[in-house]
Amino acid sequence: MTAEAAAFVCSHVFQHERPVLLVVRAEGDWQLLCGDGHDEGETPRVVGLNHFLDSDPSLRALLDLPPEWEAKRAAQGGAWERRPIT
């Protein structure tokens, strides 16, 4: 996976209100999420993954995350825990 890939981003992450704490590769698509709840019907933003890799280099550790897997962490800078999507 390259850093130029598109990523679906929740509004909290897009607006820099919360850090990325959950990364999901559902159906191969990248999703960068805060891990909190959102308003029903919220539409995610599509952004180049590289923009988030620049602002949070710890996301680079997940570039090898396979499709149908997810990774989460308790806080920004924390260790990523990977697992298959259930």
C-alpha atoms as a PDB file:
ATOM      1  CA  MET A   1       0.000   0.000   0.000  1.00  0.00           C
ATOM      2  CA  THR A   2       1.277   3.414  -0.850  1.00  0.00           C
ATOM      3  CA  ALA A   3       0.915   6.614   1.111  1.00  0.00           C
ATOM      4  CA  GLU A   4      -0.890   8.185  -1.855  1.00  0.00           C
ATOM      5  CA  ALA A   5      -3.992   6.018  -1.258  1.00  0.00           C
ATOM      6  CA  ALA A   6      -7.335   7.597  -0.422  1.00  0.00           C
ATOM      7  CA  ALA A   7      -8.678   7.291   3.122  1.00  0.00           C
ATOM      8  CA  PHE A   8     -12.173   7.753   4.519  1.00  0.00           C
ATOM      9  CA  VAL A   9     -11.912   9.993   7.578  1.00  0.00           C
ATOM     10  CA  CYS A  10     -14.496  10.740  10.262  1.00  0.00           C
ATOM     11  CA  SER A  11     -15.434  14.361  10.934  1.00  0.00           C
ATOM     12  CA  HIS A  12     -13.616  14.469  14.297  1.00  0.00           C
ATOM     13  CA  VAL A  13     -10.321  13.419  12.715  1.00  0.00           C
ATOM     14  CA  PHE A  14     -10.846  15.563   9.608  1.00  0.00           C
ATOM     15  CA  GLN A  15     -11.403  18.679  11.742  1.00  0.00           C
ATOM     16  CA  HIS A  16      -8.434  17.782  13.996  1.00  0.00           C
ATOM     17  CA  GLU A  17     -10.740  17.587  17.025  1.00  0.00           C
ATOM     18  CA  ARG A  18      -9.590  14.060  17.961  1.00  0.00           C
ATOM     19  CA  PRO A  19      -6.627  11.864  17.020  1.00  0.00           C
ATOM     20  CA  VAL A  20      -6.762   8.715  14.902  1.00  0.00           C
ATOM     21  CA  LEU A  21      -7.285   5.871  17.352  1.00  0.00           C
ATOM     22  CA  LEU A  22      -8.835   3.310  14.990  1.00  0.00           C
ATOM     23  CA  VAL A  23      -7.666   2.338  11.496  1.00  0.00           C
ATOM     24  CA  VAL A  24      -9.872  -0.051   9.528  1.00  0.00           C
ATOM     25  CA  ARG A  25      -9.221  -1.776   6.172  1.00  0.00           C
ATOM     26  CA  ALA A  26     -12.807  -2.910   5.416  1.00  0.00           C
ATOM     27  CA  GLU A  27     -13.011  -4.217   1.851  1.00  0.00           C
ATOM     28  CA  GLY A  28      -9.478  -2.895   1.364  1.00  0.00           C
ATOM     29  CA  ASP A  29     -10.437   0.754   1.893  1.00  0.00           C
ATOM     30  CA  TRP A  30      -8.542   2.790   4.471  1.00  0.00           C
ATOM     31  CA  GLN A  31     -10.642   4.324   7.259  1.00  0.00           C
ATOM     32  CA  LEU A  32      -9.061   6.660   9.806  1.00  0.00           C
ATOM     33  CA  LEU A  33     -11.381   7.076  12.754  1.00  0.00           C
ATOM     34  CA  CYS A  34     -11.397   8.562  16.239  1.00  0.00           C
ATOM     35  CA  GLY A  35     -13.172   5.512  17.678  1.00  0.00           C
ATOM     36  CA  ASP A  36     -16.021   7.549  19.185  1.00  0.00           C
ATOM     37  CA  GLY A  37     -19.648   7.811  18.149  1.00  0.00           C
ATOM     38  CA  HIS A  38     -20.877  10.047  15.344  1.00  0.00           C
ATOM     39  CA  ASP A  39     -24.144  11.545  14.229  1.00  0.00           C
ATOM     40  CA  GLU A  40     -26.317   9.185  12.230  1.00  0.00           C
ATOM     41  CA  GLY A  41     -25.954   9.821   8.530  1.00  0.00           C
ATOM     42  CA  GLU A  42     -22.573  11.522   8.866  1.00  0.00           C
ATOM     43  CA  THR A  43     -20.667  11.352   5.609  1.00  0.00           C
ATOM     44  CA  PRO A  44     -16.955  10.605   5.916  1.00  0.00           C
ATOM     45  CA  ARG A  45     -14.455  12.803   4.091  1.00  0.00           C
ATOM     46  CA  VAL A  46     -12.075  11.349   1.530  1.00  0.00           C
ATOM     47  CA  VAL A  47      -8.503  12.544   2.007  1.00  0.00           C
ATOM     48  CA  GLY A  48      -5.104  11.395   0.805  1.00  0.00           C
ATOM     49  CA  LEU A  49      -3.566   9.078   3.378  1.00  0.00           C
ATOM     50  CA  ASN A  50      -0.263  10.923   3.020  1.00  0.00           C
ATOM     51  CA  HIS A  51      -1.728  14.041   4.684  1.00  0.00           C
ATOM     52  CA  PHE A  52      -2.280  12.074   7.891  1.00  0.00           C
ATOM     53  CA  LEU A  53       1.062  10.295   7.675  1.00  0.00           C
ATOM     54  CA  ASP A  54       2.716  13.722   7.678  1.00  0.00           C
ATOM     55  CA  SER A  55       0.794  14.945  10.726  1.00  0.00           C
ATOM     56  CA  ASP A  56       0.970  11.631  12.653  1.00  0.00           C
ATOM     57  CA  PRO A  57       4.036   9.603  11.616  1.00  0.00           C
ATOM     58  CA  SER A  58       3.001   6.746  13.936  1.00  0.00           C
ATOM     59  CA  LEU A  59       0.414   5.808  11.291  1.00  0.00           C
ATOM     60  CA  ARG A  60       3.286   4.670   9.032  1.00  0.00           C
ATOM     61  CA  ALA A  61       3.536   1.529  11.179  1.00  0.00           C
ATOM     62  CA  LEU A  62       0.182   0.471   9.696  1.00  0.00           C
ATOM     63  CA  LEU A  63       1.011   0.764   5.994  1.00  0.00           C
ATOM     64  CA  ASP A  64       1.295  -3.029   5.887  1.00  0.00           C
ATOM     65  CA  LEU A  65      -2.119  -3.558   7.536  1.00  0.00           C
ATOM     66  CA  PRO A  66      -3.862  -6.136   5.334  1.00  0.00           C
ATOM     67  CA  PRO A  67      -7.419  -5.794   4.015  1.00  0.00           C
ATOM     68  CA  GLU A  68     -10.088  -6.975   6.472  1.00  0.00           C
ATOM     69  CA  TRP A  69      -7.932  -6.029   9.473  1.00  0.00           C
ATOM     70  CA  GLU A  70      -8.091  -3.159  11.920  1.00  0.00           C
ATOM     71  CA  ALA A  71      -5.735  -1.562  14.409  1.00  0.00           C
ATOM     72  CA  LYS A  72      -6.587   0.471  17.467  1.00  0.00           C
ATOM     73  CA  ARG A  73      -4.778   2.256  20.264  1.00  0.00           C
ATOM     74  CA  ALA A  74      -5.833   3.886  23.521  1.00  0.00           C
ATOM     75  CA  ALA A  75      -4.155   7.247  22.868  1.00  0.00           C
ATOM     76  CA  GLN A  76      -2.141   9.061  20.224  1.00  0.00           C
ATOM     77  CA  GLY A  77       1.422   7.778  20.357  1.00  0.00           C
ATOM     78  CA  GLY A  78       0.289   4.537  22.007  1.00  0.00           C
ATOM     79  CA  ALA A  79       0.979   1.042  20.727  1.00  0.00           C
ATOM     80  CA  TRP A  80      -1.241  -0.261  17.935  1.00  0.00           C
ATOM     81  CA  GLU A  81      -3.151  -3.511  18.523  1.00  0.00           C
ATOM     82  CA  ARG A  82      -3.984  -5.319  15.275  1.00  0.00           C
ATOM     83  CA  ARG A  83      -6.719  -7.877  14.704  1.00  0.00           C
ATOM     84  CA  PRO A  84      -8.888  -9.255  11.919  1.00  0.00           C
ATOM     85  CA  ILE A  85     -12.219  -7.469  11.491  1.00  0.00           C
ATOM     86  CA  THR A  86     -14.933  -9.573  13.101  1.00  0.00           C
END
